[in-house]
């Protein structure tokens, strides 16, 4: 994983700029010996801003940028001149990025739209110059405000993939093979467990130039919510999927038990995942004939539609797309 280009978690230290000091200045020129206060306000400190960008799909560009500091605002000056604001720092992030407080873990905000901007660290306000405090009872104030300090601290950025369909299944259930069969994505495929070590996204073409996004999530095993296997590392990517496509191999000795384990792992991680629409696909069905499918059907879990597919021969793939599209648009 150290050489992977897919980075979905970074911890960075951010410091916004301090506000500039307000000026304490009295206007003086040749024929105006007592012109009164004319100290300008200080400039605002620079913000640190996160901006959604569809051209990014990973946080790798922030992995080695551990410290981000914005400019301080400039001090005000005489003649009511306001100091320049500190330059904001804008960090582009992929859609689905969640910002959290690095110390408490509290959720701050989420970036879900292209071009959406959220302030991660707000710059300090500039101090008021002495001209601001001039009044009928205080005509010559001889003081000004200092600038407000910026915000600094550790922040956590997590990426939760935005996809319409999330593939859920045990390792070696055929998820990567299915994704490569229905899209242009080319995930690593192998005849052993945990071939997929990072999520993969693929755009699945449908009828009339329509499409939907499918995400291949690394395999779940029993005890994943407790950290077994790849643990919780990738379960969060399922949270944003509109529906879940459970994939169980036709080679499984007990598909109902396998489905029960998968559902239990999702429930232990986040019970709200069970509110998502679900579809069951029995993969590697080229190993089955019609008679075996008929014998297997009554043994499949109840309460969830199922379909027999084969990513190798293309069996049931077109019908699978139809079912997925129907589920994704049933509430549209």
C-alpha atoms as a PDB file:
ATOM      1  CA  UNK A   1       0.000   0.000   0.000  1.00  0.00           C
ATOM      2  CA  UNK A   2       2.961   2.314   0.468  1.00  0.00           C
ATOM      3  CA  UNK A   3       3.376   2.662  -3.298  1.00  0.00           C
ATOM      4  CA  UNK A   4      -0.323   3.029  -4.027  1.00  0.00           C
ATOM      5  CA  UNK A   5      -1.608   6.140  -5.772  1.00  0.00           C
ATOM      6  CA  UNK A   6      -4.916   5.808  -3.967  1.00  0.00           C
ATOM      7  CA  UNK A   7      -4.802   7.774  -0.718  1.00  0.00           C
ATOM      8  CA  UNK A   8      -8.093   8.232   1.131  1.00  0.00           C
ATOM      9  CA  UNK A   9      -6.810   9.511   4.499  1.00  0.00           C
ATOM     10  CA  UNK A  10      -4.454  12.359   5.347  1.00  0.00           C
ATOM     11  CA  UNK A  11      -3.705  14.264   8.541  1.00  0.00           C
ATOM     12  CA  UNK A  12      -2.430  17.802   8.041  1.00  0.00           C
ATOM     13  CA  UNK A  13      -1.543  20.765  10.218  1.00  0.00           C
ATOM     14  CA  UNK A  14      -3.181  23.996   9.059  1.00  0.00           C
ATOM     15  CA  UNK A  15      -2.690  27.555  10.263  1.00  0.00           C
ATOM     16  CA  UNK A  16      -4.656  30.478   8.885  1.00  0.00           C
ATOM     17  CA  UNK A  17      -3.174  33.963   8.804  1.00  0.00           C
ATOM     18  CA  UNK A  18      -3.345  36.471  11.639  1.00  0.00           C
ATOM     19  CA  UNK A  19      -5.268  39.666  11.072  1.00  0.00           C
ATOM     20  CA  UNK A  20      -3.200  42.811  10.511  1.00  0.00           C
ATOM     21  CA  UNK A  21      -2.888  45.427  13.241  1.00  0.00           C
ATOM     22  CA  UNK A  22      -4.995  48.563  12.982  1.00  0.00           C
ATOM     23  CA  UNK A  23      -2.997  51.807  12.675  1.00  0.00           C
ATOM     24  CA  UNK A  24      -2.797  54.435  15.392  1.00  0.00           C
ATOM     25  CA  UNK A  25      -2.098  57.517  13.317  1.00  0.00           C
ATOM     26  CA  UNK A  26      -2.926  61.223  13.467  1.00  0.00           C
ATOM     27  CA  UNK A  27      -3.223  63.169  10.258  1.00  0.00           C
ATOM     28  CA  UNK A  28      -0.511  65.762   9.821  1.00  0.00           C
ATOM     29  CA  UNK A  29       0.434  67.990   6.892  1.00  0.00           C
ATOM     30  CA  UNK A  30       1.832  71.477   6.384  1.00  0.00           C
ATOM     31  CA  UNK A  31      -1.333  73.487   6.994  1.00  0.00           C
ATOM     32  CA  UNK A  32      -3.189  70.850   9.037  1.00  0.00           C
ATOM     33  CA  UNK A  33      -1.216  70.501  12.271  1.00  0.00           C
ATOM     34  CA  UNK A  34      -4.045  68.727  14.070  1.00  0.00           C
ATOM     35  CA  UNK A  35      -5.967  66.793  11.446  1.00  0.00           C
ATOM     36  CA  UNK A  36      -7.308  64.139  13.760  1.00  0.00           C
ATOM     37  CA  UNK A  37      -7.137  60.336  13.655  1.00  0.00           C
ATOM     38  CA  UNK A  38      -6.775  58.664  10.255  1.00  0.00           C
ATOM     39  CA  UNK A  39      -5.401  55.212  11.126  1.00  0.00           C
ATOM     40  CA  UNK A  40      -6.681  52.506   8.755  1.00  0.00           C
ATOM     41  CA  UNK A  41      -7.840  49.004   9.595  1.00  0.00           C
ATOM     42  CA  UNK A  42      -5.656  45.912   9.377  1.00  0.00           C
ATOM     43  CA  UNK A  43      -6.224  43.330   6.639  1.00  0.00           C
ATOM     44  CA  UNK A  44      -7.823  39.939   7.205  1.00  0.00           C
ATOM     45  CA  UNK A  45      -5.587  36.915   7.608  1.00  0.00           C
ATOM     46  CA  UNK A  46      -5.640  34.357   4.803  1.00  0.00           C
ATOM     47  CA  UNK A  47      -8.156  31.494   4.945  1.00  0.00           C
ATOM     48  CA  UNK A  48      -7.343  27.853   4.229  1.00  0.00           C
ATOM     49  CA  UNK A  49     -10.106  26.619   1.956  1.00  0.00           C
ATOM     50  CA  UNK A  50     -11.050  23.190   0.592  1.00  0.00           C
ATOM     51  CA  UNK A  51     -12.489  23.166  -2.920  1.00  0.00           C
ATOM     52  CA  UNK A  52     -14.229  20.251  -4.640  1.00  0.00           C
ATOM     53  CA  UNK A  53     -12.625  19.256  -7.938  1.00  0.00           C
ATOM     54  CA  UNK A  54     -13.886  16.445 -10.170  1.00  0.00           C
ATOM     55  CA  UNK A  55     -10.404  16.087 -11.685  1.00  0.00           C
ATOM     56  CA  UNK A  56      -9.147  14.616  -8.405  1.00  0.00           C
ATOM     57  CA  UNK A  57     -10.029  11.139  -7.167  1.00  0.00           C
ATOM     58  CA  UNK A  58      -7.452  10.693  -4.410  1.00  0.00           C
ATOM     59  CA  UNK A  59      -5.769  12.724  -1.645  1.00  0.00           C
ATOM     60  CA  UNK A  60      -2.259  11.700  -2.663  1.00  0.00           C
ATOM     61  CA  UNK A  61      -1.327  15.321  -3.521  1.00  0.00           C
ATOM     62  CA  UNK A  62      -1.776  16.192   0.177  1.00  0.00           C
ATOM     63  CA  UNK A  63      -0.087  13.101   1.594  1.00  0.00           C
ATOM     64  CA  UNK A  64       3.339  14.713   1.953  1.00  0.00           C
ATOM     65  CA  UNK A  65       2.140  18.283   2.534  1.00  0.00           C
ATOM     66  CA  UNK A  66       1.964  18.067   6.303  1.00  0.00           C
ATOM     67  CA  UNK A  67       1.940  21.795   7.101  1.00  0.00           C
ATOM     68  CA  UNK A  68      -0.192  24.414   5.377  1.00  0.00           C
ATOM     69  CA  UNK A  69       0.106  28.046   6.450  1.00  0.00           C
ATOM     70  CA  UNK A  70      -1.733  31.053   5.040  1.00  0.00           C
ATOM     71  CA  UNK A  71      -0.389  34.599   4.885  1.00  0.00           C
ATOM     72  CA  UNK A  72      -0.972  37.154   7.621  1.00  0.00           C
ATOM     73  CA  UNK A  73      -2.956  40.291   6.896  1.00  0.00           C
ATOM     74  CA  UNK A  74      -0.988  43.502   6.585  1.00  0.00           C
ATOM     75  CA  UNK A  75      -1.234  46.300   9.102  1.00  0.00           C
ATOM     76  CA  UNK A  76      -3.274  49.406   8.385  1.00  0.00           C
ATOM     77  CA  UNK A  77      -1.589  52.749   7.845  1.00  0.00           C
ATOM     78  CA  UNK A  78      -2.311  56.470   7.894  1.00  0.00           C
ATOM     79  CA  UNK A  79      -4.651  58.309   5.547  1.00  0.00           C
ATOM     80  CA  UNK A  80      -7.311  55.650   6.277  1.00  0.00           C
ATOM     81  CA  UNK A  81      -5.404  53.026   4.278  1.00  0.00           C
ATOM     82  CA  UNK A  82      -6.555  49.483   5.015  1.00  0.00           C
ATOM     83  CA  UNK A  83      -3.933  46.751   5.075  1.00  0.00           C
ATOM     84  CA  UNK A  84      -4.012  44.082   2.383  1.00  0.00           C
ATOM     85  CA  UNK A  85      -5.718  40.787   3.197  1.00  0.00           C
ATOM     86  CA  UNK A  86      -3.547  37.703   3.479  1.00  0.00           C
ATOM     87  CA  UNK A  87      -3.689  35.443   0.409  1.00  0.00           C
ATOM     88  CA  UNK A  88      -6.042  32.507   0.848  1.00  0.00           C
ATOM     89  CA  UNK A  89      -4.734  28.983   0.292  1.00  0.00           C
ATOM     90  CA  UNK A  90      -7.124  26.800  -1.704  1.00  0.00           C
ATOM     91  CA  UNK A  91      -6.633  23.032  -1.514  1.00  0.00           C
ATOM     92  CA  UNK A  92      -8.370  21.070  -4.273  1.00  0.00           C
ATOM     93  CA  UNK A  93      -9.881  17.805  -3.034  1.00  0.00           C
ATOM     94  CA  UNK A  94     -11.955  15.060  -4.682  1.00  0.00           C
ATOM     95  CA  UNK A  95     -15.700  14.992  -4.235  1.00  0.00           C
ATOM     96  CA  UNK A  96     -16.654  12.970  -1.179  1.00  0.00           C
ATOM     97  CA  UNK A  97     -13.935  14.459   1.033  1.00  0.00           C
ATOM     98  CA  UNK A  98     -14.870  14.752   4.715  1.00  0.00           C
ATOM     99  CA  UNK A  99     -13.033  17.201   6.996  1.00  0.00           C
ATOM    100  CA  UNK A 100     -12.726  16.390  10.705  1.00  0.00           C
ATOM    101  CA  UNK A 101     -11.073  17.980  13.731  1.00  0.00           C
ATOM    102  CA  UNK A 102      -7.814  16.104  14.190  1.00  0.00           C
ATOM    103  CA  UNK A 103      -8.013  16.181  17.995  1.00  0.00           C
ATOM    104  CA  UNK A 104     -11.692  15.477  18.721  1.00  0.00           C
ATOM    105  CA  UNK A 105     -12.698  13.669  15.525  1.00  0.00           C
ATOM    106  CA  UNK A 106     -15.743  15.955  15.176  1.00  0.00           C
ATOM    107  CA  UNK A 107     -17.155  16.269  11.659  1.00  0.00           C
ATOM    108  CA  UNK A 108     -16.647  19.780  10.276  1.00  0.00           C
ATOM    109  CA  UNK A 109     -18.082  19.551   6.756  1.00  0.00           C
ATOM    110  CA  UNK A 110     -18.226  17.485   3.569  1.00  0.00           C
ATOM    111  CA  UNK A 111     -17.357  18.412  -0.005  1.00  0.00           C
ATOM    112  CA  UNK A 112     -19.838  16.879  -2.454  1.00  0.00           C
ATOM    113  CA  UNK A 113     -20.107  19.358  -5.361  1.00  0.00           C
ATOM    114  CA  UNK A 114     -17.626  20.410  -8.036  1.00  0.00           C
ATOM    115  CA  UNK A 115     -16.383  23.913  -7.238  1.00  0.00           C
ATOM    116  CA  UNK A 116     -17.842  23.841  -3.721  1.00  0.00           C
ATOM    117  CA  UNK A 117     -15.686  25.781  -1.256  1.00  0.00           C
ATOM    118  CA  UNK A 118     -15.571  25.366   2.522  1.00  0.00           C
ATOM    119  CA  UNK A 119     -13.298  27.233   4.920  1.00  0.00           C
ATOM    120  CA  UNK A 120     -11.202  24.794   6.926  1.00  0.00           C
ATOM    121  CA  UNK A 121      -9.282  27.493   8.859  1.00  0.00           C
ATOM    122  CA  UNK A 122     -10.694  30.997   9.018  1.00  0.00           C
ATOM    123  CA  UNK A 123      -8.217  33.865   8.891  1.00  0.00           C
ATOM    124  CA  UNK A 124      -8.116  36.292  11.807  1.00  0.00           C
ATOM    125  CA  UNK A 125      -9.981  39.589  11.468  1.00  0.00           C
ATOM    126  CA  UNK A 126      -7.944  42.718  10.979  1.00  0.00           C
ATOM    127  CA  UNK A 127      -7.807  45.175  13.880  1.00  0.00           C
ATOM    128  CA  UNK A 128      -9.610  48.504  13.687  1.00  0.00           C
ATOM    129  CA  UNK A 129      -7.519  51.646  13.247  1.00  0.00           C
ATOM    130  CA  UNK A 130      -7.935  54.575  15.610  1.00  0.00           C
ATOM    131  CA  UNK A 131     -10.168  56.393  13.079  1.00  0.00           C
ATOM    132  CA  UNK A 132     -12.834  53.770  13.767  1.00  0.00           C
ATOM    133  CA  UNK A 133     -13.055  54.795  17.409  1.00  0.00           C
ATOM    134  CA  UNK A 134     -13.486  58.507  16.759  1.00  0.00           C
ATOM    135  CA  UNK A 135     -16.691  59.894  18.283  1.00  0.00           C
ATOM    136  CA  UNK A 136     -18.161  63.147  19.601  1.00  0.00           C
ATOM    137  CA  UNK A 137     -16.856  62.341  23.046  1.00  0.00           C
ATOM    138  CA  UNK A 138     -13.525  60.878  21.888  1.00  0.00           C
ATOM    139  CA  UNK A 139     -12.253  62.998  19.038  1.00  0.00           C
ATOM    140  CA  UNK A 140      -8.636  61.911  19.188  1.00  0.00           C
ATOM    141  CA  UNK A 141      -8.401  58.229  20.164  1.00  0.00           C
ATOM    142  CA  UNK A 142      -4.767  57.266  20.588  1.00  0.00           C
ATOM    143  CA  UNK A 143      -5.182  53.534  20.373  1.00  0.00           C
ATOM    144  CA  UNK A 144      -6.004  50.875  17.779  1.00  0.00           C
ATOM    145  CA  UNK A 145      -6.887  47.193  17.808  1.00  0.00           C
ATOM    146  CA  UNK A 146      -4.372  44.423  17.258  1.00  0.00           C
ATOM    147  CA  UNK A 147      -5.281  41.852  14.642  1.00  0.00           C
ATOM    148  CA  UNK A 148      -7.155  38.712  15.635  1.00  0.00           C
ATOM    149  CA  UNK A 149      -5.069  35.556  15.729  1.00  0.00           C
ATOM    150  CA  UNK A 150      -5.674  32.941  13.053  1.00  0.00           C
ATOM    151  CA  UNK A 151      -6.767  29.366  13.664  1.00  0.00           C
ATOM    152  CA  UNK A 152      -4.331  26.483  13.757  1.00  0.00           C
ATOM    153  CA  UNK A 153      -4.502  22.804  14.504  1.00  0.00           C
ATOM    154  CA  UNK A 154      -4.470  19.278  13.105  1.00  0.00           C
ATOM    155  CA  UNK A 155      -7.203  18.223  10.706  1.00  0.00           C
ATOM    156  CA  UNK A 156      -8.126  14.893   9.172  1.00  0.00           C
ATOM    157  CA  UNK A 157      -9.314  14.602   5.576  1.00  0.00           C
ATOM    158  CA  UNK A 158     -11.073  11.371   4.642  1.00  0.00           C
ATOM    159  CA  UNK A 159     -12.319  10.398   1.220  1.00  0.00           C
ATOM    160  CA  UNK A 160     -15.597   8.525   0.805  1.00  0.00           C
ATOM    161  CA  UNK A 161     -16.081   7.533  -2.803  1.00  0.00           C
ATOM    162  CA  UNK A 162     -19.158   8.884  -4.545  1.00  0.00           C
ATOM    163  CA  UNK A 163     -20.665   6.043  -6.572  1.00  0.00           C
ATOM    164  CA  UNK A 164     -24.136   4.853  -7.524  1.00  0.00           C
ATOM    165  CA  UNK A 165     -23.458   1.168  -6.922  1.00  0.00           C
ATOM    166  CA  UNK A 166     -21.137  -0.360  -4.340  1.00  0.00           C
ATOM    167  CA  UNK A 167     -19.968  -3.955  -4.810  1.00  0.00           C
ATOM    168  CA  UNK A 168     -20.037  -5.910  -1.559  1.00  0.00           C
ATOM    169  CA  UNK A 169     -18.709  -9.412  -1.202  1.00  0.00           C
ATOM    170  CA  UNK A 170     -16.110 -11.749   0.214  1.00  0.00           C
ATOM    171  CA  UNK A 171     -12.601 -11.726  -1.284  1.00  0.00           C
ATOM    172  CA  UNK A 172     -12.451 -13.590  -4.604  1.00  0.00           C
ATOM    173  CA  UNK A 173     -16.230 -13.277  -5.198  1.00  0.00           C
ATOM    174  CA  UNK A 174     -15.649 -11.806  -8.659  1.00  0.00           C
ATOM    175  CA  UNK A 175     -16.198  -8.109  -7.934  1.00  0.00           C
ATOM    176  CA  UNK A 176     -13.171  -6.887  -9.883  1.00  0.00           C
ATOM    177  CA  UNK A 177     -13.988  -9.186 -12.785  1.00  0.00           C
ATOM    178  CA  UNK A 178     -17.530  -7.805 -12.926  1.00  0.00           C
ATOM    179  CA  UNK A 179     -16.297  -4.208 -12.865  1.00  0.00           C
ATOM    180  CA  UNK A 180     -13.872  -4.889 -15.709  1.00  0.00           C
ATOM    181  CA  UNK A 181     -16.652  -6.612 -17.688  1.00  0.00           C
ATOM    182  CA  UNK A 182     -19.158  -3.744 -17.460  1.00  0.00           C
ATOM    183  CA  UNK A 183     -16.812  -0.737 -17.598  1.00  0.00           C
ATOM    184  CA  UNK A 184     -13.464   0.438 -18.893  1.00  0.00           C
ATOM    185  CA  UNK A 185     -11.908   0.069 -15.439  1.00  0.00           C
ATOM    186  CA  UNK A 186      -9.060  -2.427 -15.245  1.00  0.00           C
ATOM    187  CA  UNK A 187      -8.653  -3.451 -11.602  1.00  0.00           C
ATOM    188  CA  UNK A 188      -6.145  -6.124 -10.672  1.00  0.00           C
ATOM    189  CA  UNK A 189      -7.701  -9.578 -10.975  1.00  0.00           C
ATOM    190  CA  UNK A 190      -6.331 -12.790  -9.467  1.00  0.00           C
ATOM    191  CA  UNK A 191      -7.482 -16.173  -8.264  1.00  0.00           C
ATOM    192  CA  UNK A 192      -6.669 -15.478  -4.613  1.00  0.00           C
ATOM    193  CA  UNK A 193      -8.075 -13.496  -1.710  1.00  0.00           C
ATOM    194  CA  UNK A 194      -7.494  -9.749  -1.355  1.00  0.00           C
ATOM    195  CA  UNK A 195      -6.450  -9.171  -4.946  1.00  0.00           C
ATOM    196  CA  UNK A 196      -8.076  -5.737  -4.634  1.00  0.00           C
ATOM    197  CA  UNK A 197      -6.253  -3.611  -2.075  1.00  0.00           C
ATOM    198  CA  UNK A 198      -7.879  -0.287  -2.953  1.00  0.00           C
ATOM    199  CA  UNK A 199     -11.292   0.791  -4.257  1.00  0.00           C
ATOM    200  CA  UNK A 200     -11.774   1.055  -8.006  1.00  0.00           C
ATOM    201  CA  UNK A 201     -14.358   3.137  -9.847  1.00  0.00           C
ATOM    202  CA  UNK A 202     -15.869   2.356 -13.220  1.00  0.00           C
ATOM    203  CA  UNK A 203     -18.453   4.132 -15.370  1.00  0.00           C
ATOM    204  CA  UNK A 204     -20.996   1.613 -16.650  1.00  0.00           C
ATOM    205  CA  UNK A 205     -22.622   2.513 -19.966  1.00  0.00           C
ATOM    206  CA  UNK A 206     -26.363   1.935 -20.228  1.00  0.00           C
ATOM    207  CA  UNK A 207     -28.992   2.397 -22.903  1.00  0.00           C
ATOM    208  CA  UNK A 208     -29.457   5.715 -24.748  1.00  0.00           C
ATOM    209  CA  UNK A 209     -26.049   7.061 -23.667  1.00  0.00           C
ATOM    210  CA  UNK A 210     -26.987   6.832 -19.987  1.00  0.00           C
ATOM    211  CA  UNK A 211     -24.521   5.619 -17.387  1.00  0.00           C
ATOM    212  CA  UNK A 212     -23.938   5.001 -13.699  1.00  0.00           C
ATOM    213  CA  UNK A 213     -20.850   4.689 -11.493  1.00  0.00           C
ATOM    214  CA  UNK A 214     -19.873   1.387  -9.887  1.00  0.00           C
ATOM    215  CA  UNK A 215     -17.308   1.023  -7.095  1.00  0.00           C
ATOM    216  CA  UNK A 216     -15.374  -2.162  -6.387  1.00  0.00           C
ATOM    217  CA  UNK A 217     -14.680  -2.182  -2.647  1.00  0.00           C
ATOM    218  CA  UNK A 218     -11.948  -4.524  -1.294  1.00  0.00           C
ATOM    219  CA  UNK A 219     -13.417  -7.750   0.048  1.00  0.00           C
ATOM    220  CA  UNK A 220     -15.088  -7.956   3.438  1.00  0.00           C
ATOM    221  CA  UNK A 221     -14.532 -10.892   5.772  1.00  0.00           C
ATOM    222  CA  UNK A 222     -16.225 -11.896   8.987  1.00  0.00           C
ATOM    223  CA  UNK A 223     -14.924  -9.637  11.757  1.00  0.00           C
ATOM    224  CA  UNK A 224     -14.044  -6.761   9.414  1.00  0.00           C
ATOM    225  CA  UNK A 225     -15.770  -4.281  11.753  1.00  0.00           C
ATOM    226  CA  UNK A 226     -13.333  -5.404  14.454  1.00  0.00           C
ATOM    227  CA  UNK A 227     -10.335  -4.803  12.206  1.00  0.00           C
ATOM    228  CA  UNK A 228      -9.873  -8.272  10.697  1.00  0.00           C
ATOM    229  CA  UNK A 229      -8.677  -8.552   7.132  1.00  0.00           C
ATOM    230  CA  UNK A 230      -8.579  -5.061   5.664  1.00  0.00           C
ATOM    231  CA  UNK A 231     -10.832  -4.011   8.540  1.00  0.00           C
ATOM    232  CA  UNK A 232     -12.631  -0.686   8.483  1.00  0.00           C
ATOM    233  CA  UNK A 233     -10.206   0.890   6.041  1.00  0.00           C
ATOM    234  CA  UNK A 234     -12.597   0.732   3.080  1.00  0.00           C
ATOM    235  CA  UNK A 235     -16.012   0.182   4.644  1.00  0.00           C
ATOM    236  CA  UNK A 236     -16.571   3.946   4.759  1.00  0.00           C
ATOM    237  CA  UNK A 237     -16.600   4.036   0.954  1.00  0.00           C
ATOM    238  CA  UNK A 238     -19.884   2.119   0.985  1.00  0.00           C
ATOM    239  CA  UNK A 239     -21.614   4.878   2.968  1.00  0.00           C
ATOM    240  CA  UNK A 240     -22.028   7.106  -0.087  1.00  0.00           C
ATOM    241  CA  UNK A 241     -23.291   4.484  -2.517  1.00  0.00           C
ATOM    242  CA  UNK A 242     -26.908   4.792  -3.611  1.00  0.00           C
ATOM    243  CA  UNK A 243     -27.368   1.020  -3.632  1.00  0.00           C
ATOM    244  CA  UNK A 244     -25.417  -2.089  -2.689  1.00  0.00           C
ATOM    245  CA  UNK A 245     -24.819  -4.984  -5.059  1.00  0.00           C
ATOM    246  CA  UNK A 246     -23.961  -8.107  -3.073  1.00  0.00           C
ATOM    247  CA  UNK A 247     -21.823 -10.554  -5.009  1.00  0.00           C
ATOM    248  CA  UNK A 248     -21.695 -14.190  -3.906  1.00  0.00           C
ATOM    249  CA  UNK A 249     -19.879 -16.838  -5.883  1.00  0.00           C
ATOM    250  CA  UNK A 250     -21.765 -19.846  -7.251  1.00  0.00           C
ATOM    251  CA  UNK A 251     -18.966 -21.870  -5.646  1.00  0.00           C
ATOM    252  CA  UNK A 252     -20.097 -20.786  -2.165  1.00  0.00           C
ATOM    253  CA  UNK A 253     -21.218 -23.740  -0.011  1.00  0.00           C
ATOM    254  CA  UNK A 254     -23.925 -21.617   1.656  1.00  0.00           C
ATOM    255  CA  UNK A 255     -24.919 -18.376  -0.062  1.00  0.00           C
ATOM    256  CA  UNK A 256     -27.487 -17.481   2.621  1.00  0.00           C
ATOM    257  CA  UNK A 257     -24.878 -17.691   5.406  1.00  0.00           C
ATOM    258  CA  UNK A 258     -22.393 -15.681   3.370  1.00  0.00           C
ATOM    259  CA  UNK A 259     -25.004 -12.975   2.758  1.00  0.00           C
ATOM    260  CA  UNK A 260     -25.902 -12.938   6.460  1.00  0.00           C
ATOM    261  CA  UNK A 261     -22.251 -12.406   7.426  1.00  0.00           C
ATOM    262  CA  UNK A 262     -21.871  -9.555   4.930  1.00  0.00           C
ATOM    263  CA  UNK A 263     -25.024  -7.823   6.164  1.00  0.00           C
ATOM    264  CA  UNK A 264     -23.937  -8.262   9.788  1.00  0.00           C
ATOM    265  CA  UNK A 265     -20.543  -6.657   9.094  1.00  0.00           C
ATOM    266  CA  UNK A 266     -22.225  -3.659   7.471  1.00  0.00           C
ATOM    267  CA  UNK A 267     -24.681  -3.372  10.363  1.00  0.00           C
ATOM    268  CA  UNK A 268     -21.910  -3.498  12.956  1.00  0.00           C
ATOM    269  CA  UNK A 269     -20.034  -0.774  11.111  1.00  0.00           C
ATOM    270  CA  UNK A 270     -23.009   1.506  10.412  1.00  0.00           C
ATOM    271  CA  UNK A 271     -26.654   0.366  10.819  1.00  0.00           C
ATOM    272  CA  UNK A 272     -27.800   3.064   8.382  1.00  0.00           C
ATOM    273  CA  UNK A 273     -26.190   1.095   5.543  1.00  0.00           C
ATOM    274  CA  UNK A 274     -29.028  -1.418   5.816  1.00  0.00           C
ATOM    275  CA  UNK A 275     -31.476   1.251   4.653  1.00  0.00           C
ATOM    276  CA  UNK A 276     -29.893   1.272   1.196  1.00  0.00           C
ATOM    277  CA  UNK A 277     -31.442  -0.636  -1.706  1.00  0.00           C
ATOM    278  CA  UNK A 278     -29.886  -4.068  -2.187  1.00  0.00           C
ATOM    279  CA  UNK A 279     -29.495  -6.531  -5.036  1.00  0.00           C
ATOM    280  CA  UNK A 280     -27.916  -9.994  -4.941  1.00  0.00           C
ATOM    281  CA  UNK A 281     -25.921 -11.356  -7.871  1.00  0.00           C
ATOM    282  CA  UNK A 282     -24.656 -14.930  -7.955  1.00  0.00           C
ATOM    283  CA  UNK A 283     -21.351 -14.666  -9.819  1.00  0.00           C
ATOM    284  CA  UNK A 284     -19.465 -17.343 -11.755  1.00  0.00           C
ATOM    285  CA  UNK A 285     -22.829 -18.796 -12.841  1.00  0.00           C
ATOM    286  CA  UNK A 286     -21.206 -20.244 -15.952  1.00  0.00           C
ATOM    287  CA  UNK A 287     -20.410 -23.124 -13.572  1.00  0.00           C
ATOM    288  CA  UNK A 288     -24.147 -23.782 -13.161  1.00  0.00           C
ATOM    289  CA  UNK A 289     -26.712 -25.211 -15.531  1.00  0.00           C
ATOM    290  CA  UNK A 290     -30.414 -24.366 -15.443  1.00  0.00           C
ATOM    291  CA  UNK A 291     -31.223 -27.289 -13.165  1.00  0.00           C
ATOM    292  CA  UNK A 292     -28.601 -26.287 -10.586  1.00  0.00           C
ATOM    293  CA  UNK A 293     -29.847 -22.680 -10.635  1.00  0.00           C
ATOM    294  CA  UNK A 294     -33.385 -23.879  -9.940  1.00  0.00           C
ATOM    295  CA  UNK A 295     -32.136 -25.988  -7.037  1.00  0.00           C
ATOM    296  CA  UNK A 296     -30.077 -23.088  -5.634  1.00  0.00           C
ATOM    297  CA  UNK A 297     -32.749 -20.367  -5.933  1.00  0.00           C
ATOM    298  CA  UNK A 298     -34.915 -21.469  -2.959  1.00  0.00           C
ATOM    299  CA  UNK A 299     -31.792 -21.557  -0.752  1.00  0.00           C
ATOM    300  CA  UNK A 300     -30.886 -17.935  -1.441  1.00  0.00           C
ATOM    301  CA  UNK A 301     -31.670 -15.253   1.185  1.00  0.00           C
ATOM    302  CA  UNK A 302     -35.263 -14.026   1.082  1.00  0.00           C
ATOM    303  CA  UNK A 303     -36.332 -10.415   0.842  1.00  0.00           C
ATOM    304  CA  UNK A 304     -33.735  -9.415  -1.745  1.00  0.00           C
ATOM    305  CA  UNK A 305     -33.984  -9.749  -5.540  1.00  0.00           C
ATOM    306  CA  UNK A 306     -31.360 -11.994  -7.085  1.00  0.00           C
ATOM    307  CA  UNK A 307     -29.888 -12.711 -10.489  1.00  0.00           C
ATOM    308  CA  UNK A 308     -27.414 -15.278 -11.825  1.00  0.00           C
ATOM    309  CA  UNK A 309     -24.526 -13.748 -13.785  1.00  0.00           C
ATOM    310  CA  UNK A 310     -21.191 -14.617 -15.336  1.00  0.00           C
ATOM    311  CA  UNK A 311     -18.695 -11.867 -16.022  1.00  0.00           C
ATOM    312  CA  UNK A 312     -16.682 -14.219 -18.225  1.00  0.00           C
ATOM    313  CA  UNK A 313     -19.442 -15.348 -20.607  1.00  0.00           C
ATOM    314  CA  UNK A 314     -21.647 -12.252 -20.221  1.00  0.00           C
ATOM    315  CA  UNK A 315     -24.555 -14.275 -18.912  1.00  0.00           C
ATOM    316  CA  UNK A 316     -27.137 -12.085 -17.151  1.00  0.00           C
ATOM    317  CA  UNK A 317     -25.011  -8.903 -17.438  1.00  0.00           C
ATOM    318  CA  UNK A 318     -27.555  -7.022 -19.553  1.00  0.00           C
ATOM    319  CA  UNK A 319     -30.378  -7.997 -17.176  1.00  0.00           C
ATOM    320  CA  UNK A 320     -28.203  -6.959 -14.226  1.00  0.00           C
ATOM    321  CA  UNK A 321     -27.767  -3.474 -15.712  1.00  0.00           C
ATOM    322  CA  UNK A 322     -31.535  -3.236 -16.207  1.00  0.00           C
ATOM    323  CA  UNK A 323     -32.194  -4.159 -12.573  1.00  0.00           C
ATOM    324  CA  UNK A 324     -29.595  -1.703 -11.288  1.00  0.00           C
ATOM    325  CA  UNK A 325     -30.975   1.132 -13.411  1.00  0.00           C
ATOM    326  CA  UNK A 326     -34.504   0.345 -12.249  1.00  0.00           C
ATOM    327  CA  UNK A 327     -33.454   0.427  -8.578  1.00  0.00           C
ATOM    328  CA  UNK A 328     -31.421   3.616  -8.973  1.00  0.00           C
ATOM    329  CA  UNK A 329     -34.332   5.421 -10.601  1.00  0.00           C
ATOM    330  CA  UNK A 330     -37.289   3.953  -8.711  1.00  0.00           C
ATOM    331  CA  UNK A 331     -37.606   7.108  -6.607  1.00  0.00           C
ATOM    332  CA  UNK A 332     -36.642   9.559  -9.342  1.00  0.00           C
END
